[in-house]
């Protein structure tokens, strides 16, 4: 599992039938800053993820990739590699809050 920020959406009018009706998001993975350990920083890449929760741009989310992305009831028959599985409220590292949604 990875932390990621929703930075956009993707519209694809031509796609396979099993993907019809599924919202596609552009997500940017984040990691804990290795030196400061007091903030999250971009991992420097982006992915397209299937949204199973109805999240919006700017939300910090929990994603999973690979074969694990197809283990949810909503995605078990989809040819996907990344799925949103949670909305992040807070991240605490070494007793310090590095992200808080509020």
C-alpha atoms as a PDB file:
ATOM      1  CA  UNK A   1       0.000   0.000   0.000  1.00  0.00           C
ATOM      2  CA  UNK A   2       1.074   3.556  -0.704  1.00  0.00           C
ATOM      3  CA  UNK A   3       0.022   7.088   0.178  1.00  0.00           C
ATOM      4  CA  UNK A   4      -0.958   9.196  -2.821  1.00  0.00           C
ATOM      5  CA  UNK A   5      -2.564  12.536  -3.586  1.00  0.00           C
ATOM      6  CA  UNK A   6      -5.298  12.780  -6.197  1.00  0.00           C
ATOM      7  CA  UNK A   7      -4.031  15.378  -8.674  1.00  0.00           C
ATOM      8  CA  UNK A   8      -6.535  14.927 -11.481  1.00  0.00           C
ATOM      9  CA  UNK A   9      -8.899  12.710 -13.383  1.00  0.00           C
ATOM     10  CA  UNK A  10      -8.729  10.890 -16.672  1.00  0.00           C
ATOM     11  CA  UNK A  11     -11.517  10.609 -19.232  1.00  0.00           C
ATOM     12  CA  UNK A  12     -11.434   7.760 -21.709  1.00  0.00           C
ATOM     13  CA  UNK A  13     -14.487   7.441 -23.938  1.00  0.00           C
ATOM     14  CA  UNK A  14     -13.111   4.376 -25.724  1.00  0.00           C
ATOM     15  CA  UNK A  15     -12.250   1.525 -23.358  1.00  0.00           C
ATOM     16  CA  UNK A  16     -13.035  -2.115 -22.721  1.00  0.00           C
ATOM     17  CA  UNK A  17     -16.514  -2.911 -21.435  1.00  0.00           C
ATOM     18  CA  UNK A  18     -15.394  -3.984 -17.949  1.00  0.00           C
ATOM     19  CA  UNK A  19     -13.948  -0.502 -17.300  1.00  0.00           C
ATOM     20  CA  UNK A  20     -17.102   1.363 -18.314  1.00  0.00           C
ATOM     21  CA  UNK A  21     -18.597   3.205 -15.349  1.00  0.00           C
ATOM     22  CA  UNK A  22     -15.368   3.269 -13.360  1.00  0.00           C
ATOM     23  CA  UNK A  23     -13.886   6.666 -12.501  1.00  0.00           C
ATOM     24  CA  UNK A  24     -10.194   6.974 -13.348  1.00  0.00           C
ATOM     25  CA  UNK A  25      -7.903   9.249 -11.334  1.00  0.00           C
ATOM     26  CA  UNK A  26      -4.375  10.552 -11.736  1.00  0.00           C
ATOM     27  CA  UNK A  27      -2.592  10.006  -8.418  1.00  0.00           C
ATOM     28  CA  UNK A  28       0.856  11.058  -7.234  1.00  0.00           C
ATOM     29  CA  UNK A  29       2.487   8.821  -4.606  1.00  0.00           C
ATOM     30  CA  UNK A  30       3.968  10.481  -1.514  1.00  0.00           C
ATOM     31  CA  UNK A  31       6.538   9.293   1.014  1.00  0.00           C
ATOM     32  CA  UNK A  32       7.849  10.498   4.356  1.00  0.00           C
ATOM     33  CA  UNK A  33      10.789  12.887   3.893  1.00  0.00           C
ATOM     34  CA  UNK A  34      13.842  10.725   4.664  1.00  0.00           C
ATOM     35  CA  UNK A  35      15.840  13.479   6.395  1.00  0.00           C
ATOM     36  CA  UNK A  36      13.285  15.551   8.298  1.00  0.00           C
ATOM     37  CA  UNK A  37      10.642  12.840   8.852  1.00  0.00           C
ATOM     38  CA  UNK A  38       8.199  15.674   9.571  1.00  0.00           C
ATOM     39  CA  UNK A  39       6.475  15.963   6.201  1.00  0.00           C
ATOM     40  CA  UNK A  40       5.335  14.045   3.174  1.00  0.00           C
ATOM     41  CA  UNK A  41       7.059  14.670  -0.160  1.00  0.00           C
ATOM     42  CA  UNK A  42       6.257  13.578  -3.688  1.00  0.00           C
ATOM     43  CA  UNK A  43       7.803  10.341  -4.889  1.00  0.00           C
ATOM     44  CA  UNK A  44       8.167  12.008  -8.299  1.00  0.00           C
ATOM     45  CA  UNK A  45       5.850   9.901 -10.445  1.00  0.00           C
ATOM     46  CA  UNK A  46       2.167   9.473 -11.247  1.00  0.00           C
ATOM     47  CA  UNK A  47      -0.245   6.603 -11.793  1.00  0.00           C
ATOM     48  CA  UNK A  48      -3.751   6.114 -13.106  1.00  0.00           C
ATOM     49  CA  UNK A  49      -5.949   4.527 -10.433  1.00  0.00           C
ATOM     50  CA  UNK A  50      -9.506   3.226 -10.371  1.00  0.00           C
ATOM     51  CA  UNK A  51     -11.613   5.099  -7.803  1.00  0.00           C
ATOM     52  CA  UNK A  52     -13.788   2.799  -5.686  1.00  0.00           C
ATOM     53  CA  UNK A  53     -14.665   5.391  -3.017  1.00  0.00           C
ATOM     54  CA  UNK A  54     -15.721   8.607  -4.763  1.00  0.00           C
ATOM     55  CA  UNK A  55     -12.700  10.688  -3.829  1.00  0.00           C
ATOM     56  CA  UNK A  56     -11.896  14.092  -5.282  1.00  0.00           C
ATOM     57  CA  UNK A  57      -8.956  16.082  -6.490  1.00  0.00           C
ATOM     58  CA  UNK A  58      -6.674  17.098  -3.630  1.00  0.00           C
ATOM     59  CA  UNK A  59      -7.609  14.140  -1.401  1.00  0.00           C
ATOM     60  CA  UNK A  60      -4.818  12.106   0.169  1.00  0.00           C
ATOM     61  CA  UNK A  61      -5.607   8.444  -0.415  1.00  0.00           C
ATOM     62  CA  UNK A  62      -4.341   4.949   0.183  1.00  0.00           C
ATOM     63  CA  UNK A  63      -3.634   2.973  -2.984  1.00  0.00           C
ATOM     64  CA  UNK A  64      -2.585  -0.546  -3.727  1.00  0.00           C
ATOM     65  CA  UNK A  65      -0.944  -1.847  -6.875  1.00  0.00           C
ATOM     66  CA  UNK A  66      -0.269  -5.000  -8.811  1.00  0.00           C
ATOM     67  CA  UNK A  67      -2.329  -8.128  -8.294  1.00  0.00           C
ATOM     68  CA  UNK A  68      -3.553  -6.710  -4.949  1.00  0.00           C
ATOM     69  CA  UNK A  69      -5.458  -4.057  -6.908  1.00  0.00           C
ATOM     70  CA  UNK A  70      -7.753  -6.798  -8.189  1.00  0.00           C
ATOM     71  CA  UNK A  71      -8.608  -8.230  -4.766  1.00  0.00           C
ATOM     72  CA  UNK A  72     -11.468  -5.857  -3.894  1.00  0.00           C
ATOM     73  CA  UNK A  73     -15.064  -6.856  -4.713  1.00  0.00           C
ATOM     74  CA  UNK A  74     -15.316  -3.833  -7.047  1.00  0.00           C
ATOM     75  CA  UNK A  75     -12.152  -4.640  -9.016  1.00  0.00           C
ATOM     76  CA  UNK A  76     -11.843  -8.431  -9.020  1.00  0.00           C
ATOM     77  CA  UNK A  77     -12.654  -8.714 -12.734  1.00  0.00           C
ATOM     78  CA  UNK A  78     -10.889  -5.572 -13.977  1.00  0.00           C
ATOM     79  CA  UNK A  79      -7.570  -5.412 -15.852  1.00  0.00           C
ATOM     80  CA  UNK A  80      -6.089  -2.764 -13.534  1.00  0.00           C
ATOM     81  CA  UNK A  81      -2.831  -2.170 -11.712  1.00  0.00           C
ATOM     82  CA  UNK A  82      -3.736   0.593  -9.209  1.00  0.00           C
ATOM     83  CA  UNK A  83      -6.843   1.155  -7.074  1.00  0.00           C
ATOM     84  CA  UNK A  84      -7.862   3.637  -4.373  1.00  0.00           C
ATOM     85  CA  UNK A  85      -8.738   1.648  -1.238  1.00  0.00           C
ATOM     86  CA  UNK A  86      -8.904   4.340   1.459  1.00  0.00           C
ATOM     87  CA  UNK A  87      -9.092   8.042   2.244  1.00  0.00           C
ATOM     88  CA  UNK A  88      -6.316   9.225   4.571  1.00  0.00           C
ATOM     89  CA  UNK A  89      -7.311  11.368   7.551  1.00  0.00           C
ATOM     90  CA  UNK A  90      -3.977  11.615   9.331  1.00  0.00           C
ATOM     91  CA  UNK A  91      -0.410  10.285   9.136  1.00  0.00           C
ATOM     92  CA  UNK A  92       1.716  10.155  12.297  1.00  0.00           C
ATOM     93  CA  UNK A  93       5.424   9.239  12.169  1.00  0.00           C
ATOM     94  CA  UNK A  94       7.572   9.011  15.294  1.00  0.00           C
ATOM     95  CA  UNK A  95       4.866  10.773  17.340  1.00  0.00           C
ATOM     96  CA  UNK A  96       4.764  13.706  14.891  1.00  0.00           C
ATOM     97  CA  UNK A  97       1.807  14.434  12.602  1.00  0.00           C
ATOM     98  CA  UNK A  98       3.110  14.677   9.043  1.00  0.00           C
ATOM     99  CA  UNK A  99      -0.328  14.963   7.420  1.00  0.00           C
ATOM    100  CA  UNK A 100      -3.726  15.956   8.749  1.00  0.00           C
ATOM    101  CA  UNK A 101      -6.723  16.305   6.448  1.00  0.00           C
ATOM    102  CA  UNK A 102      -8.328  18.966   8.636  1.00  0.00           C
END
